[in-house]
Amino acid sequence: MLRRLMFAGYERQLNRAYRRRLASKGSTAQGVFWRSQSSQFARFDTLLALVHQLRGHQPTSIADIGCGYGAMLDFIKASSTFQHIKYQGVDINRAMIAACRQKFPHQTDRFSTGNRPSGIVDFCLFSGTFNLTHSDDPALWNDYIFTCLDRCMAKTRYGLILNLLCTPKAQIQKQIFYANRAAFVQRAEAYFGPTHAQSTRDVPGDVSFVITRKFL
């Protein structure tokens, strides 16, 4: 019970931080705390390429968890490689979802407020979703991440794909969480199933993880 209350407190603090940031910086990479659009797009490209590796050109549905202002949908639309991917965006922040619906007025049904997709999708993706934290305890924040992943895994056919900043020791520095790559893989495999990790191209320190169900 206490842990659930702490996790709810984290989400309230994150909601406030992102709402203020969006109001200050607008629907831009900086508006969701990215350093640059190039690093944002490099992460999108890696996550979506992993979807493509697993499913090829088959029609594939994804939920972008922590979608912000919908930048991944813009990226998909601009890329010929990912046109077979059916997108939906989910975010706990109502202001972000409002920004998505304003940005895509003819596709408002693609976006919803929440912490998991409303229906079953092939994959849930998390791009930078867990980087910013208001916790000072890396072990507890890691527990929060796995709580979120577990909730979303139940809504997928195939698995989860995410990125995290990684260092040799899990830590939180200046409100940014850094995972231990090997420990994260070990825990993900124990919780869910086979897990693959690879360094994200063009983003130093960033690692992309694919967590698949045991039958894949």
N, C-alpha and C. Protein backbone atom coordinates (compact mmCIF):
# COMPACT_ATOMS: atom_id res chain seq x y z
N MET A 1 0.83 -1.21 0.00
CA MET A 1 0.00 0.00 0.00
C MET A 1 0.87 1.26 0.00
N LEU A 2 1.88 1.27 0.86
CA LEU A 2 2.78 2.42 0.94
C LEU A 2 3.50 2.63 -0.37
N ARG A 3 3.94 1.52 -0.98
CA ARG A 3 4.65 1.64 -2.26
C ARG A 3 3.73 2.19 -3.35
N ARG A 4 2.48 1.75 -3.38
CA ARG A 4 1.54 2.28 -4.37
C ARG A 4 1.35 3.79 -4.18
N LEU A 5 1.28 4.23 -2.93
CA LEU A 5 1.14 5.66 -2.66
C LEU A 5 2.37 6.43 -3.12
N MET A 6 3.55 5.85 -2.91
CA MET A 6 4.78 6.50 -3.36
C MET A 6 4.81 6.60 -4.88
N PHE A 7 4.41 5.53 -5.56
CA PHE A 7 4.39 5.55 -7.02
C PHE A 7 3.39 6.57 -7.54
N ALA A 8 2.25 6.67 -6.89
CA ALA A 8 1.26 7.68 -7.29
C ALA A 8 1.82 9.08 -7.08
N GLY A 9 2.59 9.26 -6.02
CA GLY A 9 3.23 10.56 -5.77
C GLY A 9 4.24 10.91 -6.86
N TYR A 10 5.01 9.91 -7.30
CA TYR A 10 5.94 10.15 -8.41
C TYR A 10 5.18 10.66 -9.64
N GLU A 11 4.07 10.01 -9.93
CA GLU A 11 3.32 10.38 -11.14
C GLU A 11 2.72 11.78 -11.02
N ARG A 12 2.28 12.16 -9.84
CA ARG A 12 1.77 13.53 -9.66
C ARG A 12 2.87 14.55 -9.90
N GLN A 13 4.07 14.27 -9.38
CA GLN A 13 5.19 15.19 -9.57
C GLN A 13 5.61 15.26 -11.05
N LEU A 14 5.63 14.12 -11.70
CA LEU A 14 5.97 14.10 -13.12
C LEU A 14 4.93 14.85 -13.94
N ASN A 15 3.67 14.67 -13.61
CA ASN A 15 2.61 15.39 -14.31
C ASN A 15 2.82 16.89 -14.22
N ARG A 16 3.12 17.38 -13.03
CA ARG A 16 3.35 18.82 -12.87
C ARG A 16 4.55 19.28 -13.67
N ALA A 17 5.64 18.50 -13.61
CA ALA A 17 6.86 18.89 -14.32
C ALA A 17 6.64 18.96 -15.82
N TYR A 18 5.96 17.95 -16.38
CA TYR A 18 5.74 17.93 -17.83
C TYR A 18 4.72 18.98 -18.26
N ARG A 19 3.74 19.23 -17.43
CA ARG A 19 2.75 20.27 -17.77
C ARG A 19 3.43 21.63 -17.85
N ARG A 20 4.28 21.92 -16.88
CA ARG A 20 5.00 23.20 -16.87
C ARG A 20 5.97 23.30 -18.04
N ARG A 21 6.64 22.19 -18.31
CA ARG A 21 7.61 22.20 -19.41
C ARG A 21 6.92 22.40 -20.75
N LEU A 22 5.81 21.75 -20.97
CA LEU A 22 5.05 21.91 -22.20
C LEU A 22 4.59 23.35 -22.35
N ALA A 23 4.11 23.95 -21.26
CA ALA A 23 3.65 25.34 -21.30
C ALA A 23 4.81 26.28 -21.63
N SER A 24 6.01 25.93 -21.16
CA SER A 24 7.18 26.79 -21.36
C SER A 24 7.81 26.61 -22.74
N LYS A 25 7.96 25.36 -23.18
CA LYS A 25 8.72 25.06 -24.40
C LYS A 25 7.85 24.66 -25.59
N GLY A 26 6.57 24.36 -25.33
CA GLY A 26 5.68 23.97 -26.41
C GLY A 26 5.90 22.55 -26.89
N SER A 27 5.27 22.21 -28.01
CA SER A 27 5.35 20.85 -28.57
C SER A 27 6.65 20.68 -29.34
N THR A 28 7.74 20.58 -28.59
CA THR A 28 9.08 20.44 -29.15
C THR A 28 9.81 19.36 -28.35
N ALA A 29 10.96 18.95 -28.86
CA ALA A 29 11.77 17.97 -28.12
C ALA A 29 12.11 18.49 -26.73
N GLN A 30 12.42 19.78 -26.63
CA GLN A 30 12.73 20.37 -25.33
C GLN A 30 11.50 20.39 -24.43
N GLY A 31 10.32 20.40 -25.03
CA GLY A 31 9.08 20.41 -24.26
C GLY A 31 8.81 19.12 -23.51
N VAL A 32 9.56 18.05 -23.85
CA VAL A 32 9.47 16.79 -23.12
C VAL A 32 10.85 16.40 -22.57
N PHE A 33 11.68 17.42 -22.35
CA PHE A 33 12.98 17.27 -21.68
C PHE A 33 14.06 16.58 -22.50
N TRP A 34 13.87 16.43 -23.83
CA TRP A 34 14.97 15.93 -24.65
C TRP A 34 15.97 17.05 -24.88
N ARG A 35 17.23 16.67 -25.01
CA ARG A 35 18.27 17.67 -25.30
C ARG A 35 18.15 18.20 -26.72
N SER A 36 17.77 17.31 -27.64
CA SER A 36 17.69 17.72 -29.04
C SER A 36 16.72 16.82 -29.78
N GLN A 37 16.23 17.31 -30.90
CA GLN A 37 15.35 16.49 -31.74
C GLN A 37 16.12 15.33 -32.35
N SER A 38 17.41 15.52 -32.63
CA SER A 38 18.19 14.44 -33.26
C SER A 38 18.30 13.23 -32.33
N SER A 39 18.51 13.44 -31.04
CA SER A 39 18.58 12.29 -30.12
C SER A 39 17.20 11.67 -29.93
N GLN A 40 16.18 12.50 -29.94
CA GLN A 40 14.80 12.00 -29.86
C GLN A 40 14.51 11.08 -31.05
N PHE A 41 14.84 11.55 -32.26
CA PHE A 41 14.57 10.77 -33.47
C PHE A 41 15.44 9.51 -33.53
N ALA A 42 16.68 9.59 -33.05
CA ALA A 42 17.55 8.41 -33.05
C ALA A 42 16.94 7.30 -32.20
N ARG A 43 16.35 7.66 -31.08
CA ARG A 43 15.69 6.68 -30.23
C ARG A 43 14.45 6.10 -30.92
N PHE A 44 13.65 6.96 -31.52
CA PHE A 44 12.48 6.47 -32.26
C PHE A 44 12.90 5.46 -33.33
N ASP A 45 13.92 5.82 -34.09
CA ASP A 45 14.36 4.98 -35.20
C ASP A 45 14.81 3.61 -34.70
N THR A 46 15.52 3.58 -33.59
CA THR A 46 15.99 2.31 -33.05
C THR A 46 14.84 1.45 -32.55
N LEU A 47 13.92 2.03 -31.79
CA LEU A 47 12.80 1.26 -31.26
C LEU A 47 11.92 0.71 -32.39
N LEU A 48 11.62 1.54 -33.36
CA LEU A 48 10.77 1.11 -34.47
C LEU A 48 11.48 0.08 -35.35
N ALA A 49 12.80 0.22 -35.50
CA ALA A 49 13.57 -0.76 -36.27
C ALA A 49 13.54 -2.13 -35.58
N LEU A 50 13.52 -2.13 -34.26
CA LEU A 50 13.41 -3.39 -33.52
C LEU A 50 12.04 -4.04 -33.75
N VAL A 51 11.00 -3.23 -33.78
CA VAL A 51 9.67 -3.75 -34.14
C VAL A 51 9.73 -4.39 -35.52
N HIS A 52 10.36 -3.69 -36.44
CA HIS A 52 10.46 -4.17 -37.83
C HIS A 52 11.24 -5.47 -37.91
N GLN A 53 12.31 -5.59 -37.12
CA GLN A 53 13.10 -6.82 -37.11
C GLN A 53 12.28 -8.01 -36.64
N LEU A 54 11.41 -7.77 -35.69
CA LEU A 54 10.61 -8.84 -35.12
C LEU A 54 9.41 -9.23 -36.00
N ARG A 55 8.85 -8.25 -36.71
CA ARG A 55 7.59 -8.49 -37.42
C ARG A 55 7.68 -8.28 -38.93
N GLY A 56 8.82 -7.77 -39.40
CA GLY A 56 8.95 -7.52 -40.83
C GLY A 56 7.94 -6.49 -41.31
N HIS A 57 7.39 -6.72 -42.49
CA HIS A 57 6.43 -5.77 -43.07
C HIS A 57 4.98 -6.13 -42.73
N GLN A 58 4.79 -7.05 -41.82
CA GLN A 58 3.42 -7.38 -41.42
C GLN A 58 2.79 -6.19 -40.71
N PRO A 59 1.51 -5.93 -40.93
CA PRO A 59 0.85 -4.87 -40.16
C PRO A 59 1.03 -5.11 -38.66
N THR A 60 1.49 -4.10 -37.97
CA THR A 60 1.84 -4.25 -36.55
C THR A 60 1.31 -3.07 -35.76
N SER A 61 0.67 -3.35 -34.64
CA SER A 61 0.13 -2.28 -33.79
C SER A 61 1.05 -2.02 -32.62
N ILE A 62 1.26 -0.74 -32.33
CA ILE A 62 2.09 -0.36 -31.19
C ILE A 62 1.35 0.67 -30.35
N ALA A 63 1.68 0.68 -29.06
CA ALA A 63 1.25 1.76 -28.17
C ALA A 63 2.49 2.47 -27.68
N ASP A 64 2.55 3.76 -27.92
CA ASP A 64 3.65 4.62 -27.49
C ASP A 64 3.31 5.12 -26.09
N ILE A 65 3.89 4.50 -25.06
CA ILE A 65 3.54 4.81 -23.69
C ILE A 65 4.41 5.96 -23.20
N GLY A 66 3.76 7.05 -22.81
CA GLY A 66 4.49 8.29 -22.51
C GLY A 66 4.75 9.03 -23.81
N CYS A 67 3.69 9.15 -24.60
CA CYS A 67 3.83 9.65 -25.98
C CYS A 67 4.13 11.13 -26.08
N GLY A 68 3.99 11.88 -24.96
CA GLY A 68 4.25 13.32 -25.03
C GLY A 68 3.30 14.00 -26.00
N TYR A 69 3.86 14.81 -26.88
CA TYR A 69 3.03 15.56 -27.83
C TYR A 69 2.86 14.85 -29.18
N GLY A 70 3.21 13.55 -29.22
CA GLY A 70 2.96 12.75 -30.42
C GLY A 70 4.06 12.77 -31.46
N ALA A 71 5.29 13.05 -31.05
CA ALA A 71 6.39 13.16 -32.00
C ALA A 71 6.68 11.85 -32.73
N MET A 72 6.45 10.71 -32.06
CA MET A 72 6.72 9.44 -32.74
C MET A 72 5.79 9.22 -33.92
N LEU A 73 4.55 9.69 -33.81
CA LEU A 73 3.63 9.56 -34.95
C LEU A 73 4.13 10.39 -36.12
N ASP A 74 4.61 11.59 -35.87
CA ASP A 74 5.22 12.39 -36.93
C ASP A 74 6.36 11.64 -37.59
N PHE A 75 7.19 11.01 -36.76
CA PHE A 75 8.35 10.27 -37.28
C PHE A 75 7.91 9.11 -38.17
N ILE A 76 6.91 8.38 -37.73
CA ILE A 76 6.39 7.26 -38.51
C ILE A 76 5.84 7.74 -39.85
N LYS A 77 5.08 8.81 -39.82
CA LYS A 77 4.48 9.34 -41.04
C LYS A 77 5.54 9.79 -42.05
N ALA A 78 6.68 10.26 -41.54
CA ALA A 78 7.74 10.77 -42.42
C ALA A 78 8.66 9.67 -42.94
N SER A 79 8.50 8.44 -42.45
CA SER A 79 9.41 7.35 -42.82
C SER A 79 8.69 6.32 -43.67
N SER A 80 9.26 5.99 -44.82
CA SER A 80 8.66 4.96 -45.68
C SER A 80 8.82 3.57 -45.07
N THR A 81 9.79 3.39 -44.19
CA THR A 81 10.07 2.08 -43.62
C THR A 81 8.99 1.60 -42.66
N PHE A 82 8.30 2.54 -42.01
CA PHE A 82 7.41 2.17 -40.91
C PHE A 82 5.93 2.41 -41.19
N GLN A 83 5.57 2.47 -42.47
CA GLN A 83 4.19 2.76 -42.81
C GLN A 83 3.22 1.65 -42.44
N HIS A 84 3.74 0.44 -42.21
CA HIS A 84 2.88 -0.69 -41.85
C HIS A 84 2.55 -0.70 -40.35
N ILE A 85 3.12 0.23 -39.60
CA ILE A 85 2.93 0.25 -38.15
C ILE A 85 1.69 1.09 -37.81
N LYS A 86 0.78 0.49 -37.08
CA LYS A 86 -0.43 1.18 -36.62
C LYS A 86 -0.15 1.74 -35.23
N TYR A 87 -0.28 3.05 -35.10
CA TYR A 87 0.17 3.77 -33.90
C TYR A 87 -0.99 4.18 -33.01
N GLN A 88 -0.78 4.07 -31.70
CA GLN A 88 -1.61 4.78 -30.74
C GLN A 88 -0.71 5.35 -29.65
N GLY A 89 -1.06 6.53 -29.15
CA GLY A 89 -0.28 7.19 -28.13
C GLY A 89 -1.02 7.25 -26.81
N VAL A 90 -0.29 7.00 -25.73
CA VAL A 90 -0.87 6.99 -24.39
C VAL A 90 0.03 7.80 -23.47
N ASP A 91 -0.56 8.64 -22.64
CA ASP A 91 0.23 9.42 -21.69
C ASP A 91 -0.61 9.69 -20.44
N ILE A 92 0.04 9.71 -19.29
CA ILE A 92 -0.69 10.01 -18.05
C ILE A 92 -1.01 11.49 -17.94
N ASN A 93 -0.36 12.31 -18.78
CA ASN A 93 -0.49 13.75 -18.67
C ASN A 93 -1.58 14.26 -19.62
N ARG A 94 -2.64 14.80 -19.07
CA ARG A 94 -3.76 15.28 -19.89
C ARG A 94 -3.36 16.42 -20.81
N ALA A 95 -2.44 17.27 -20.36
CA ALA A 95 -1.99 18.39 -21.20
C ALA A 95 -1.27 17.88 -22.44
N MET A 96 -0.49 16.80 -22.28
CA MET A 96 0.20 16.22 -23.43
C MET A 96 -0.81 15.64 -24.42
N ILE A 97 -1.80 14.92 -23.92
CA ILE A 97 -2.81 14.34 -24.81
C ILE A 97 -3.60 15.44 -25.51
N ALA A 98 -3.88 16.52 -24.81
CA ALA A 98 -4.56 17.66 -25.44
C ALA A 98 -3.70 18.23 -26.56
N ALA A 99 -2.38 18.30 -26.34
CA ALA A 99 -1.47 18.80 -27.38
C ALA A 99 -1.45 17.86 -28.58
N CYS A 100 -1.50 16.54 -28.33
CA CYS A 100 -1.55 15.57 -29.43
C CYS A 100 -2.81 15.76 -30.27
N ARG A 101 -3.92 15.91 -29.60
CA ARG A 101 -5.19 16.04 -30.32
C ARG A 101 -5.27 17.36 -31.08
N GLN A 102 -4.61 18.37 -30.58
CA GLN A 102 -4.55 19.64 -31.31
C GLN A 102 -3.63 19.50 -32.52
N LYS A 103 -2.56 18.75 -32.37
CA LYS A 103 -1.57 18.56 -33.44
C LYS A 103 -2.12 17.67 -34.55
N PHE A 104 -2.94 16.69 -34.16
CA PHE A 104 -3.52 15.74 -35.12
C PHE A 104 -5.05 15.78 -35.01
N PRO A 105 -5.68 16.87 -35.44
CA PRO A 105 -7.12 17.05 -35.21
C PRO A 105 -8.00 16.02 -35.90
N HIS A 106 -7.49 15.37 -36.94
CA HIS A 106 -8.29 14.38 -37.65
C HIS A 106 -7.98 12.95 -37.19
N GLN A 107 -7.13 12.83 -36.16
CA GLN A 107 -6.75 11.51 -35.66
C GLN A 107 -6.78 11.48 -34.14
N THR A 108 -7.72 12.19 -33.56
CA THR A 108 -7.76 12.31 -32.10
C THR A 108 -7.97 10.97 -31.41
N ASP A 109 -8.59 10.01 -32.13
CA ASP A 109 -8.84 8.71 -31.51
C ASP A 109 -7.58 7.88 -31.33
N ARG A 110 -6.48 8.34 -31.89
CA ARG A 110 -5.21 7.63 -31.71
C ARG A 110 -4.61 7.88 -30.33
N PHE A 111 -5.12 8.86 -29.58
CA PHE A 111 -4.48 9.28 -28.34
C PHE A 111 -5.43 9.14 -27.16
N SER A 112 -4.88 8.69 -26.04
CA SER A 112 -5.70 8.54 -24.84
C SER A 112 -4.87 8.80 -23.59
N THR A 113 -5.56 9.26 -22.55
CA THR A 113 -4.91 9.50 -21.27
C THR A 113 -4.92 8.20 -20.46
N GLY A 114 -3.77 7.84 -19.92
CA GLY A 114 -3.69 6.62 -19.12
C GLY A 114 -2.27 6.13 -18.98
N ASN A 115 -2.14 4.91 -18.47
CA ASN A 115 -0.81 4.33 -18.27
C ASN A 115 -0.63 3.00 -18.99
N ARG A 116 -1.61 2.65 -19.85
CA ARG A 116 -1.54 1.43 -20.64
C ARG A 116 -2.50 1.58 -21.81
N PRO A 117 -2.32 0.79 -22.87
CA PRO A 117 -3.27 0.87 -23.98
C PRO A 117 -4.65 0.37 -23.56
N SER A 118 -5.66 0.90 -24.19
CA SER A 118 -7.03 0.50 -23.84
C SER A 118 -7.36 -0.91 -24.33
N GLY A 119 -6.73 -1.32 -25.42
CA GLY A 119 -6.94 -2.66 -25.96
C GLY A 119 -5.62 -3.37 -26.16
N ILE A 120 -5.67 -4.55 -26.75
CA ILE A 120 -4.46 -5.33 -26.97
C ILE A 120 -3.71 -4.80 -28.20
N VAL A 121 -2.40 -4.63 -28.06
CA VAL A 121 -1.53 -4.23 -29.18
C VAL A 121 -0.41 -5.27 -29.31
N ASP A 122 0.30 -5.20 -30.42
CA ASP A 122 1.42 -6.14 -30.60
C ASP A 122 2.57 -5.81 -29.65
N PHE A 123 2.92 -4.53 -29.58
CA PHE A 123 4.01 -4.10 -28.71
C PHE A 123 3.66 -2.79 -28.00
N CYS A 124 4.16 -2.65 -26.78
CA CYS A 124 4.21 -1.34 -26.13
C CYS A 124 5.63 -0.81 -26.23
N LEU A 125 5.77 0.44 -26.62
CA LEU A 125 7.07 1.10 -26.72
C LEU A 125 7.16 2.21 -25.68
N PHE A 126 8.37 2.40 -25.16
CA PHE A 126 8.62 3.44 -24.16
C PHE A 126 9.90 4.16 -24.57
N SER A 127 9.78 5.36 -25.10
CA SER A 127 10.96 6.11 -25.52
C SER A 127 11.24 7.24 -24.53
N GLY A 128 12.22 7.02 -23.67
CA GLY A 128 12.57 8.03 -22.68
C GLY A 128 11.57 8.17 -21.56
N THR A 129 10.62 7.27 -21.51
CA THR A 129 9.51 7.39 -20.55
C THR A 129 9.99 7.38 -19.11
N PHE A 130 11.07 6.66 -18.84
CA PHE A 130 11.50 6.48 -17.45
C PHE A 130 12.77 7.25 -17.10
N ASN A 131 13.21 8.16 -17.96
CA ASN A 131 14.45 8.89 -17.69
C ASN A 131 14.30 9.88 -16.55
N LEU A 132 13.28 10.71 -16.62
CA LEU A 132 13.08 11.74 -15.60
C LEU A 132 12.39 11.13 -14.39
N THR A 133 12.93 11.39 -13.20
CA THR A 133 12.34 10.87 -11.98
C THR A 133 12.38 11.90 -10.87
N HIS A 134 11.42 11.81 -9.98
CA HIS A 134 11.42 12.64 -8.77
C HIS A 134 11.73 11.79 -7.54
N SER A 135 12.25 10.60 -7.79
CA SER A 135 12.73 9.75 -6.70
C SER A 135 14.23 10.01 -6.49
N ASP A 136 14.71 9.73 -5.30
CA ASP A 136 16.15 9.75 -5.06
C ASP A 136 16.67 8.35 -4.75
N ASP A 137 15.85 7.33 -5.00
CA ASP A 137 16.19 5.95 -4.70
C ASP A 137 16.15 5.14 -5.99
N PRO A 138 17.31 4.82 -6.58
CA PRO A 138 17.29 4.10 -7.87
C PRO A 138 16.62 2.73 -7.80
N ALA A 139 16.75 2.02 -6.68
CA ALA A 139 16.11 0.71 -6.56
C ALA A 139 14.59 0.84 -6.57
N LEU A 140 14.08 1.85 -5.88
CA LEU A 140 12.64 2.06 -5.85
C LEU A 140 12.12 2.51 -7.20
N TRP A 141 12.87 3.37 -7.88
CA TRP A 141 12.45 3.80 -9.22
C TRP A 141 12.46 2.61 -10.19
N ASN A 142 13.44 1.74 -10.04
CA ASN A 142 13.48 0.53 -10.87
C ASN A 142 12.24 -0.34 -10.61
N ASP A 143 11.83 -0.42 -9.36
CA ASP A 143 10.60 -1.15 -9.02
C ASP A 143 9.39 -0.51 -9.70
N TYR A 144 9.36 0.83 -9.71
CA TYR A 144 8.26 1.54 -10.37
C TYR A 144 8.24 1.20 -11.87
N ILE A 145 9.42 1.19 -12.49
CA ILE A 145 9.49 0.86 -13.92
C ILE A 145 8.90 -0.52 -14.18
N PHE A 146 9.27 -1.50 -13.36
CA PHE A 146 8.78 -2.86 -13.59
C PHE A 146 7.29 -2.99 -13.32
N THR A 147 6.78 -2.18 -12.41
CA THR A 147 5.33 -2.14 -12.20
C THR A 147 4.63 -1.65 -13.46
N CYS A 148 5.18 -0.60 -14.07
CA CYS A 148 4.61 -0.06 -15.32
C CYS A 148 4.72 -1.07 -16.46
N LEU A 149 5.87 -1.73 -16.56
CA LEU A 149 6.07 -2.70 -17.63
C LEU A 149 5.13 -3.88 -17.48
N ASP A 150 4.95 -4.34 -16.25
CA ASP A 150 4.05 -5.47 -16.01
C ASP A 150 2.61 -5.14 -16.42
N ARG A 151 2.19 -3.93 -16.10
CA ARG A 151 0.84 -3.48 -16.44
C ARG A 151 0.65 -3.47 -17.95
N CYS A 152 1.69 -3.06 -18.68
CA CYS A 152 1.58 -2.96 -20.14
C CYS A 152 1.80 -4.30 -20.82
N MET A 153 2.64 -5.15 -20.25
CA MET A 153 2.86 -6.47 -20.85
C MET A 153 1.54 -7.22 -20.98
N ALA A 154 0.66 -7.04 -20.01
CA ALA A 154 -0.64 -7.71 -20.05
C ALA A 154 -1.49 -7.26 -21.23
N LYS A 155 -1.12 -6.16 -21.86
CA LYS A 155 -1.88 -5.61 -22.99
C LYS A 155 -1.19 -5.85 -24.33
N THR A 156 -0.16 -6.72 -24.35
CA THR A 156 0.57 -6.95 -25.59
C THR A 156 0.48 -8.39 -26.05
N ARG A 157 0.60 -8.58 -27.35
CA ARG A 157 0.68 -9.93 -27.91
C ARG A 157 2.11 -10.45 -27.87
N TYR A 158 3.07 -9.55 -28.08
CA TYR A 158 4.45 -10.00 -28.27
C TYR A 158 5.44 -9.46 -27.24
N GLY A 159 5.28 -8.24 -26.77
CA GLY A 159 6.23 -7.78 -25.78
C GLY A 159 6.39 -6.27 -25.69
N LEU A 160 7.51 -5.88 -25.09
CA LEU A 160 7.80 -4.50 -24.75
C LEU A 160 9.14 -4.10 -25.35
N ILE A 161 9.24 -2.85 -25.80
CA ILE A 161 10.49 -2.32 -26.33
C ILE A 161 10.70 -0.94 -25.71
N LEU A 162 11.85 -0.74 -25.11
CA LEU A 162 12.08 0.52 -24.40
C LEU A 162 13.55 0.90 -24.45
N ASN A 163 13.81 2.14 -24.08
CA ASN A 163 15.20 2.57 -23.91
C ASN A 163 15.41 3.18 -22.53
N LEU A 164 16.63 3.03 -22.05
CA LEU A 164 17.04 3.59 -20.77
C LEU A 164 18.48 4.06 -20.89
N LEU A 165 18.82 5.14 -20.21
CA LEU A 165 20.21 5.51 -20.04
C LEU A 165 20.84 4.52 -19.07
N CYS A 166 22.08 4.11 -19.34
CA CYS A 166 22.71 3.09 -18.51
C CYS A 166 24.12 3.50 -18.09
N THR A 167 24.49 3.10 -16.89
CA THR A 167 25.83 3.27 -16.36
C THR A 167 26.20 1.98 -15.63
N PRO A 168 27.49 1.78 -15.30
CA PRO A 168 27.89 0.55 -14.62
C PRO A 168 27.15 0.29 -13.31
N LYS A 169 26.72 1.35 -12.64
CA LYS A 169 25.96 1.21 -11.40
C LYS A 169 24.67 2.00 -11.53
N ALA A 170 23.52 1.38 -11.19
CA ALA A 170 22.25 2.09 -11.24
C ALA A 170 22.31 3.30 -10.31
N GLN A 171 21.85 4.44 -10.82
CA GLN A 171 21.94 5.67 -10.03
C GLN A 171 20.95 6.71 -10.55
N ILE A 172 20.75 7.73 -9.74
CA ILE A 172 19.96 8.89 -10.14
C ILE A 172 20.84 10.12 -9.98
N GLN A 173 21.00 10.87 -11.06
CA GLN A 173 21.80 12.08 -11.04
C GLN A 173 20.99 13.22 -11.66
N LYS A 174 20.81 14.28 -10.90
CA LYS A 174 20.08 15.46 -11.38
C LYS A 174 18.72 15.07 -11.95
N GLN A 175 18.03 14.21 -11.21
CA GLN A 175 16.67 13.73 -11.53
C GLN A 175 16.60 12.84 -12.76
N ILE A 176 17.73 12.35 -13.23
CA ILE A 176 17.76 11.43 -14.36
C ILE A 176 18.19 10.05 -13.86
N PHE A 177 17.41 9.04 -14.24
CA PHE A 177 17.68 7.67 -13.83
C PHE A 177 18.61 6.99 -14.82
N TYR A 178 19.60 6.29 -14.30
CA TYR A 178 20.52 5.48 -15.09
C TYR A 178 20.44 4.04 -14.58
N ALA A 179 20.12 3.12 -15.46
CA ALA A 179 20.00 1.71 -15.08
C ALA A 179 21.34 1.00 -15.24
N ASN A 180 21.46 -0.14 -14.60
CA ASN A 180 22.55 -1.07 -14.87
C ASN A 180 22.05 -2.04 -15.93
N ARG A 181 22.72 -2.06 -17.05
CA ARG A 181 22.25 -2.83 -18.21
C ARG A 181 22.07 -4.32 -17.90
N ALA A 182 23.09 -4.94 -17.35
CA ALA A 182 23.04 -6.38 -17.09
C ALA A 182 21.98 -6.72 -16.05
N ALA A 183 21.88 -5.91 -15.01
CA ALA A 183 20.90 -6.18 -13.96
C ALA A 183 19.49 -6.02 -14.49
N PHE A 184 19.29 -5.03 -15.39
CA PHE A 184 17.96 -4.83 -15.96
C PHE A 184 17.56 -6.03 -16.83
N VAL A 185 18.49 -6.52 -17.64
CA VAL A 185 18.20 -7.69 -18.49
C VAL A 185 17.87 -8.90 -17.62
N GLN A 186 18.64 -9.10 -16.58
CA GLN A 186 18.42 -10.25 -15.70
C GLN A 186 17.03 -10.19 -15.06
N ARG A 187 16.65 -9.02 -14.58
CA ARG A 187 15.34 -8.90 -13.94
C ARG A 187 14.22 -9.04 -14.95
N ALA A 188 14.38 -8.45 -16.13
CA ALA A 188 13.35 -8.55 -17.17
C ALA A 188 13.14 -10.00 -17.59
N GLU A 189 14.22 -10.75 -17.72
CA GLU A 189 14.09 -12.16 -18.11
C GLU A 189 13.40 -12.96 -17.02
N ALA A 190 13.68 -12.64 -15.77
CA ALA A 190 13.04 -13.34 -14.66
C ALA A 190 11.55 -13.01 -14.59
N TYR A 191 11.20 -11.75 -14.86
CA TYR A 191 9.80 -11.31 -14.78
C TYR A 191 8.98 -11.74 -15.98
N PHE A 192 9.56 -11.61 -17.20
CA PHE A 192 8.74 -11.67 -18.40
C PHE A 192 9.16 -12.74 -19.40
N GLY A 193 10.44 -12.76 -19.77
CA GLY A 193 10.88 -13.67 -20.82
C GLY A 193 12.17 -13.18 -21.46
N PRO A 194 12.55 -13.78 -22.58
CA PRO A 194 13.82 -13.43 -23.23
C PRO A 194 13.95 -11.92 -23.45
N THR A 195 15.11 -11.39 -23.11
CA THR A 195 15.36 -9.95 -23.20
C THR A 195 16.68 -9.70 -23.91
N HIS A 196 16.62 -8.82 -24.88
CA HIS A 196 17.80 -8.46 -25.67
C HIS A 196 18.11 -6.98 -25.45
N ALA A 197 19.38 -6.66 -25.34
CA ALA A 197 19.79 -5.26 -25.16
C ALA A 197 20.82 -4.88 -26.21
N GLN A 198 20.70 -3.66 -26.73
CA GLN A 198 21.70 -3.14 -27.66
C GLN A 198 21.87 -1.65 -27.45
N SER A 199 23.07 -1.17 -27.66
CA SER A 199 23.33 0.26 -27.53
C SER A 199 22.57 1.00 -28.62
N THR A 200 21.97 2.11 -28.25
CA THR A 200 21.22 2.92 -29.21
C THR A 200 22.20 3.72 -30.07
N ARG A 201 22.10 3.54 -31.36
CA ARG A 201 23.01 4.22 -32.27
C ARG A 201 22.87 5.73 -32.17
N ASP A 202 24.00 6.42 -32.11
CA ASP A 202 24.08 7.89 -32.10
C ASP A 202 23.59 8.52 -30.80
N VAL A 203 23.34 7.71 -29.76
CA VAL A 203 22.94 8.28 -28.46
C VAL A 203 23.82 7.66 -27.38
N PRO A 204 24.93 8.30 -27.04
CA PRO A 204 25.86 7.72 -26.06
C PRO A 204 25.18 7.43 -24.73
N GLY A 205 25.46 6.23 -24.21
CA GLY A 205 24.93 5.84 -22.91
C GLY A 205 23.52 5.29 -22.94
N ASP A 206 22.85 5.36 -24.08
CA ASP A 206 21.47 4.90 -24.17
C ASP A 206 21.44 3.45 -24.65
N VAL A 207 20.57 2.65 -24.03
CA VAL A 207 20.44 1.24 -24.39
C VAL A 207 18.98 0.94 -24.70
N SER A 208 18.75 0.20 -25.78
CA SER A 208 17.41 -0.22 -26.16
C SER A 208 17.23 -1.69 -25.79
N PHE A 209 16.09 -1.98 -25.19
CA PHE A 209 15.79 -3.33 -24.70
C PHE A 209 14.55 -3.87 -25.40
N VAL A 210 14.60 -5.13 -25.77
CA VAL A 210 13.42 -5.84 -26.28
C VAL A 210 13.10 -6.95 -25.27
N ILE A 211 11.91 -6.89 -24.72
CA ILE A 211 11.46 -7.90 -23.75
C ILE A 211 10.32 -8.66 -24.40
N THR A 212 10.54 -9.93 -24.69
CA THR A 212 9.54 -10.70 -25.42
C THR A 212 8.90 -11.77 -24.54
N ARG A 213 7.69 -12.13 -24.90
CA ARG A 213 7.05 -13.25 -24.24
C ARG A 213 7.80 -14.54 -24.55
N LYS A 214 7.67 -15.50 -23.69
CA LYS A 214 8.46 -16.73 -23.78
C LYS A 214 8.20 -17.50 -25.05
N PHE A 215 7.02 -17.34 -25.69
CA PHE A 215 6.72 -18.14 -26.87
C PHE A 215 7.34 -17.58 -28.14
N LEU A 216 7.92 -16.33 -28.08
CA LEU A 216 8.49 -15.76 -29.31
C LEU A 216 9.84 -16.41 -29.64
